[in-house]
């Protein structure tokens, strides 16, 4: 007699967004921006994200990562000049906007020598 097994859960489809790195012109502070977002489909729920501003001329530690946000290691957190602190995640869109403002502020302060 064939046994009735549990129905297996469907494997969620994933959408991975990882654009090419963006190189920042030296007159705008220099460095590189990196982005990765993985969403579950069809819900579009963000299950993994990583944003980073890399500029070794500003910060040599942490592989040059001056600023970053990700949810690796099972929690949302912020990297800032080598320090990692928990950072609550509301939405990827809000986080992306905040990251844009913060890295631009850091880069412009670097260009203007901290002024």
N, C-alpha and C. Protein backbone atom coordinates (compact mmCIF):
# COMPACT_ATOMS: atom_id res chain seq x y z
N UNK A 1 0.86 -1.16 0.00
CA UNK A 1 0.00 0.00 0.00
C UNK A 1 0.91 1.23 0.00
N UNK A 2 0.65 2.11 -0.90
CA UNK A 2 1.46 3.34 -1.01
C UNK A 2 1.09 4.27 0.13
N UNK A 3 2.11 4.78 0.80
CA UNK A 3 1.88 5.70 1.91
C UNK A 3 1.60 7.11 1.41
N UNK A 4 0.83 7.79 2.20
CA UNK A 4 0.55 9.18 1.86
C UNK A 4 1.56 10.05 2.59
N UNK A 5 2.48 10.63 1.85
CA UNK A 5 3.48 11.51 2.45
C UNK A 5 2.96 12.92 2.54
N UNK A 6 3.66 13.70 3.30
CA UNK A 6 3.31 15.11 3.39
C UNK A 6 3.62 15.78 2.07
N UNK A 7 2.78 16.69 1.71
CA UNK A 7 3.05 17.46 0.50
C UNK A 7 4.27 18.33 0.73
N UNK A 8 5.17 18.32 -0.20
CA UNK A 8 6.37 19.13 -0.02
C UNK A 8 6.06 20.59 -0.30
N UNK A 9 6.73 21.42 0.46
CA UNK A 9 6.55 22.87 0.28
C UNK A 9 7.18 23.27 -1.04
N UNK A 10 6.50 24.11 -1.79
CA UNK A 10 7.13 24.56 -3.02
C UNK A 10 8.37 25.40 -2.71
N UNK A 11 9.40 25.20 -3.49
CA UNK A 11 10.63 25.96 -3.32
C UNK A 11 10.39 27.38 -3.85
N UNK A 12 10.63 28.39 -3.02
CA UNK A 12 10.37 29.76 -3.50
C UNK A 12 11.34 30.12 -4.62
N UNK A 13 10.83 30.87 -5.56
CA UNK A 13 11.69 31.41 -6.60
C UNK A 13 12.35 32.65 -6.06
N UNK A 14 13.57 32.87 -6.47
CA UNK A 14 14.32 34.03 -6.00
C UNK A 14 14.69 34.92 -7.17
N UNK A 15 14.69 36.21 -6.90
CA UNK A 15 15.13 37.20 -7.87
C UNK A 15 16.38 37.85 -7.28
N UNK A 16 17.47 37.81 -8.02
CA UNK A 16 18.74 38.36 -7.55
C UNK A 16 19.07 39.60 -8.37
N UNK A 17 19.29 40.71 -7.69
CA UNK A 17 19.67 41.96 -8.34
C UNK A 17 21.05 42.35 -7.85
N UNK A 18 22.02 42.34 -8.76
CA UNK A 18 23.39 42.70 -8.41
C UNK A 18 23.99 43.48 -9.58
N UNK A 19 23.71 44.78 -9.64
CA UNK A 19 24.25 45.56 -10.76
C UNK A 19 25.77 45.66 -10.68
N UNK A 20 26.36 46.06 -11.77
CA UNK A 20 27.80 46.28 -11.79
C UNK A 20 28.16 47.34 -10.76
N UNK A 21 29.35 47.21 -10.19
CA UNK A 21 29.82 48.21 -9.23
C UNK A 21 29.84 49.59 -9.88
N UNK A 22 29.54 50.60 -9.10
CA UNK A 22 29.56 51.98 -9.58
C UNK A 22 30.83 52.64 -9.07
N UNK A 23 31.65 53.10 -9.98
CA UNK A 23 32.89 53.80 -9.60
C UNK A 23 32.60 55.29 -9.47
N UNK A 24 32.97 55.85 -8.32
CA UNK A 24 32.75 57.26 -8.04
C UNK A 24 33.99 58.04 -8.49
N UNK A 25 33.78 59.12 -9.21
CA UNK A 25 34.91 59.94 -9.67
C UNK A 25 35.65 60.53 -8.47
N UNK A 26 36.99 60.62 -8.58
CA UNK A 26 37.77 61.18 -7.47
C UNK A 26 37.31 62.57 -7.03
N UNK A 27 36.91 63.41 -7.97
CA UNK A 27 36.48 64.76 -7.58
C UNK A 27 35.18 64.74 -6.78
N UNK A 28 34.47 63.58 -6.80
CA UNK A 28 33.25 63.42 -6.00
C UNK A 28 33.49 62.55 -4.77
N UNK A 29 34.76 62.28 -4.48
CA UNK A 29 35.10 61.51 -3.29
C UNK A 29 35.76 60.18 -3.57
N UNK A 30 35.59 59.68 -4.79
CA UNK A 30 36.19 58.41 -5.16
C UNK A 30 35.52 57.22 -4.49
N UNK A 31 36.02 56.05 -4.81
CA UNK A 31 35.49 54.83 -4.22
C UNK A 31 34.57 54.07 -5.15
N UNK A 32 33.93 53.05 -4.58
CA UNK A 32 33.06 52.15 -5.33
C UNK A 32 31.81 51.87 -4.52
N UNK A 33 30.67 51.79 -5.20
CA UNK A 33 29.41 51.39 -4.57
C UNK A 33 29.06 49.99 -5.03
N UNK A 34 28.64 49.16 -4.09
CA UNK A 34 28.24 47.79 -4.39
C UNK A 34 26.83 47.57 -3.86
N UNK A 35 26.07 46.77 -4.59
CA UNK A 35 24.69 46.50 -4.19
C UNK A 35 24.30 45.07 -4.55
N UNK A 36 23.59 44.43 -3.65
CA UNK A 36 23.02 43.10 -3.89
C UNK A 36 21.69 43.02 -3.15
N UNK A 37 20.66 42.57 -3.86
CA UNK A 37 19.35 42.37 -3.24
C UNK A 37 18.80 41.04 -3.75
N UNK A 38 18.31 40.21 -2.84
CA UNK A 38 17.66 38.97 -3.22
C UNK A 38 16.24 39.03 -2.68
N UNK A 39 15.28 38.83 -3.59
CA UNK A 39 13.86 38.87 -3.22
C UNK A 39 13.22 37.53 -3.50
N UNK A 40 12.24 37.21 -2.67
CA UNK A 40 11.44 36.01 -2.87
C UNK A 40 10.29 36.36 -3.81
N UNK A 41 10.02 35.51 -4.76
CA UNK A 41 8.92 35.74 -5.69
C UNK A 41 7.80 34.75 -5.41
N UNK A 42 6.56 35.13 -5.59
CA UNK A 42 6.10 36.38 -6.18
C UNK A 42 5.90 37.52 -5.18
N UNK A 43 6.16 37.27 -3.89
CA UNK A 43 5.88 38.29 -2.87
C UNK A 43 6.79 39.51 -2.96
N UNK A 44 7.99 39.34 -3.53
CA UNK A 44 9.02 40.40 -3.64
C UNK A 44 9.58 40.78 -2.27
N UNK A 45 9.39 39.91 -1.28
CA UNK A 45 9.95 40.14 0.05
C UNK A 45 11.48 40.05 -0.05
N UNK A 46 12.16 41.04 0.54
CA UNK A 46 13.62 41.04 0.56
C UNK A 46 14.08 40.02 1.59
N UNK A 47 14.89 39.05 1.12
CA UNK A 47 15.40 38.06 2.06
C UNK A 47 16.89 38.24 2.32
N UNK A 48 17.58 38.93 1.43
CA UNK A 48 19.00 39.24 1.65
C UNK A 48 19.32 40.56 0.97
N UNK A 49 20.16 41.36 1.61
CA UNK A 49 20.61 42.61 1.00
C UNK A 49 22.00 42.95 1.48
N UNK A 50 22.70 43.70 0.66
CA UNK A 50 24.03 44.20 1.02
C UNK A 50 24.29 45.46 0.20
N UNK A 51 24.61 46.54 0.89
CA UNK A 51 24.99 47.80 0.27
C UNK A 51 26.33 48.19 0.87
N UNK A 52 27.25 48.69 0.03
CA UNK A 52 28.55 49.07 0.57
C UNK A 52 29.16 50.22 -0.21
N UNK A 53 29.79 51.12 0.54
CA UNK A 53 30.62 52.18 -0.04
C UNK A 53 32.04 51.82 0.35
N UNK A 54 32.86 51.51 -0.65
CA UNK A 54 34.24 51.10 -0.46
C UNK A 54 35.15 52.23 -0.92
N UNK A 55 36.04 52.66 -0.02
CA UNK A 55 37.00 53.70 -0.39
C UNK A 55 38.18 53.62 0.58
N UNK A 56 39.22 52.90 0.16
CA UNK A 56 40.38 52.69 1.03
C UNK A 56 41.14 53.96 1.34
N UNK A 57 40.95 55.02 0.55
CA UNK A 57 41.63 56.28 0.87
C UNK A 57 40.94 57.00 2.02
N UNK A 58 39.73 56.59 2.36
CA UNK A 58 39.02 57.14 3.52
C UNK A 58 39.20 56.24 4.73
N UNK A 59 39.07 54.92 4.49
CA UNK A 59 39.17 53.95 5.59
C UNK A 59 39.85 52.69 5.07
N UNK A 60 41.01 52.38 5.61
CA UNK A 60 41.78 51.23 5.14
C UNK A 60 41.30 49.91 5.75
N UNK A 61 40.67 49.95 6.90
CA UNK A 61 40.19 48.74 7.55
C UNK A 61 38.97 48.17 6.86
N UNK A 62 38.56 46.97 7.28
CA UNK A 62 37.33 46.34 6.77
C UNK A 62 37.34 46.26 5.25
N UNK A 63 38.50 45.99 4.66
CA UNK A 63 38.66 45.92 3.20
C UNK A 63 38.23 47.20 2.49
N UNK A 64 38.40 48.32 3.16
CA UNK A 64 38.06 49.61 2.56
C UNK A 64 36.60 50.00 2.70
N UNK A 65 35.81 49.17 3.38
CA UNK A 65 34.38 49.49 3.53
C UNK A 65 34.22 50.61 4.53
N UNK A 66 33.81 51.76 4.03
CA UNK A 66 33.57 52.94 4.87
C UNK A 66 32.18 52.84 5.49
N UNK A 67 31.22 52.44 4.67
CA UNK A 67 29.82 52.37 5.07
C UNK A 67 29.19 51.15 4.42
N UNK A 68 28.38 50.44 5.15
CA UNK A 68 27.68 49.30 4.57
C UNK A 68 26.49 48.90 5.40
N UNK A 69 25.54 48.28 4.74
CA UNK A 69 24.37 47.71 5.40
C UNK A 69 24.16 46.32 4.82
N UNK A 70 23.89 45.35 5.69
CA UNK A 70 23.55 44.02 5.19
C UNK A 70 22.84 43.24 6.28
N UNK A 71 22.32 42.09 5.89
CA UNK A 71 21.65 41.23 6.86
C UNK A 71 22.31 39.85 6.91
N UNK A 72 23.59 39.81 6.66
CA UNK A 72 24.35 38.57 6.84
C UNK A 72 24.43 38.26 8.33
N UNK A 73 24.79 37.06 8.66
CA UNK A 73 24.94 36.65 10.06
C UNK A 73 23.61 36.70 10.81
N UNK A 74 22.52 36.57 10.07
CA UNK A 74 21.17 36.46 10.64
C UNK A 74 20.64 37.69 11.36
N UNK A 75 21.20 38.87 11.08
CA UNK A 75 20.60 40.09 11.62
C UNK A 75 20.98 41.29 10.75
N UNK A 76 20.13 42.30 10.78
CA UNK A 76 20.38 43.53 10.02
C UNK A 76 21.38 44.38 10.79
N UNK A 77 22.40 44.87 10.08
CA UNK A 77 23.41 45.67 10.76
C UNK A 77 24.08 46.66 9.81
N UNK A 78 24.78 47.60 10.45
CA UNK A 78 25.46 48.67 9.74
C UNK A 78 26.96 48.55 10.00
N UNK A 79 27.75 48.76 8.94
CA UNK A 79 29.20 48.86 9.04
C UNK A 79 29.54 50.35 8.85
N UNK A 80 30.31 50.89 9.76
CA UNK A 80 30.68 52.30 9.67
C UNK A 80 32.11 52.45 10.18
N UNK A 81 33.04 52.67 9.27
CA UNK A 81 34.46 52.81 9.62
C UNK A 81 34.94 51.65 10.49
N UNK A 82 34.55 50.44 10.14
CA UNK A 82 35.04 49.26 10.84
C UNK A 82 34.23 48.82 12.05
N UNK A 83 33.26 49.62 12.44
CA UNK A 83 32.41 49.26 13.57
C UNK A 83 31.09 48.70 13.05
N UNK A 84 30.65 47.60 13.65
CA UNK A 84 29.39 46.97 13.25
C UNK A 84 28.38 47.13 14.38
N UNK A 85 27.20 47.66 14.03
CA UNK A 85 26.14 47.83 15.01
C UNK A 85 24.82 47.32 14.43
N UNK A 86 23.94 46.75 15.28
CA UNK A 86 22.62 46.34 14.79
C UNK A 86 21.89 47.54 14.20
N UNK A 87 21.13 47.30 13.16
CA UNK A 87 20.39 48.37 12.52
C UNK A 87 19.05 47.81 12.05
N UNK A 88 17.94 48.31 12.59
CA UNK A 88 16.64 47.74 12.24
C UNK A 88 16.33 47.93 10.75
N UNK A 89 15.66 46.94 10.19
CA UNK A 89 15.30 46.97 8.77
C UNK A 89 13.80 47.20 8.65
N UNK A 90 13.42 48.32 7.98
CA UNK A 90 12.01 48.60 7.75
C UNK A 90 11.63 48.20 6.33
N UNK A 91 12.35 48.76 5.36
CA UNK A 91 12.12 48.42 3.96
C UNK A 91 13.41 48.66 3.19
N UNK A 92 13.57 47.92 2.12
CA UNK A 92 14.79 48.10 1.34
C UNK A 92 14.83 49.49 0.72
N UNK A 93 13.71 49.97 0.29
CA UNK A 93 13.66 51.29 -0.36
C UNK A 93 14.10 52.39 0.61
N UNK A 94 13.61 52.34 1.84
CA UNK A 94 14.00 53.34 2.84
C UNK A 94 15.49 53.21 3.18
N UNK A 95 15.98 51.99 3.29
CA UNK A 95 17.39 51.77 3.58
C UNK A 95 18.26 52.28 2.45
N UNK A 96 17.85 52.02 1.22
CA UNK A 96 18.62 52.47 0.05
C UNK A 96 18.73 53.99 0.02
N UNK A 97 17.63 54.68 0.30
CA UNK A 97 17.63 56.14 0.32
C UNK A 97 18.58 56.66 1.41
N UNK A 98 18.53 56.06 2.58
CA UNK A 98 19.41 56.47 3.68
C UNK A 98 20.87 56.22 3.32
N UNK A 99 21.16 55.06 2.73
CA UNK A 99 22.52 54.74 2.31
C UNK A 99 23.03 55.77 1.30
N UNK A 100 22.20 56.14 0.35
CA UNK A 100 22.59 57.14 -0.65
C UNK A 100 22.98 58.46 0.01
N UNK A 101 22.15 58.93 0.92
CA UNK A 101 22.44 60.19 1.62
C UNK A 101 23.75 60.08 2.41
N UNK A 102 23.92 58.98 3.13
CA UNK A 102 25.08 58.83 4.00
C UNK A 102 26.39 58.72 3.23
N UNK A 103 26.42 57.88 2.17
CA UNK A 103 27.71 57.74 1.47
C UNK A 103 28.07 59.04 0.76
N UNK A 104 27.07 59.76 0.24
CA UNK A 104 27.38 61.04 -0.43
C UNK A 104 27.91 62.06 0.57
N UNK A 105 27.36 62.09 1.76
CA UNK A 105 27.84 63.00 2.80
C UNK A 105 29.29 62.66 3.17
N UNK A 106 29.58 61.38 3.34
CA UNK A 106 30.94 60.95 3.68
C UNK A 106 31.91 61.33 2.56
N UNK A 107 31.54 61.04 1.32
CA UNK A 107 32.41 61.32 0.18
C UNK A 107 32.67 62.82 0.04
N UNK A 108 31.65 63.64 0.20
CA UNK A 108 31.83 65.09 0.08
C UNK A 108 32.68 65.66 1.21
N UNK A 109 32.52 65.11 2.42
CA UNK A 109 33.38 65.54 3.53
C UNK A 109 34.83 65.18 3.24
N UNK A 110 35.05 64.04 2.62
CA UNK A 110 36.40 63.62 2.25
C UNK A 110 36.99 64.58 1.22
N UNK A 111 36.21 64.94 0.21
CA UNK A 111 36.67 65.87 -0.81
C UNK A 111 36.99 67.22 -0.19
N UNK A 112 36.17 67.66 0.73
CA UNK A 112 36.34 68.96 1.38
C UNK A 112 37.19 68.87 2.64
N UNK A 113 37.87 67.75 2.82
CA UNK A 113 38.79 67.52 3.96
C UNK A 113 38.12 67.72 5.31
N UNK A 114 36.92 67.13 5.45
CA UNK A 114 36.24 67.14 6.75
C UNK A 114 35.42 68.37 7.05
N UNK A 115 35.35 69.33 6.16
CA UNK A 115 34.62 70.57 6.44
C UNK A 115 33.14 70.38 6.28
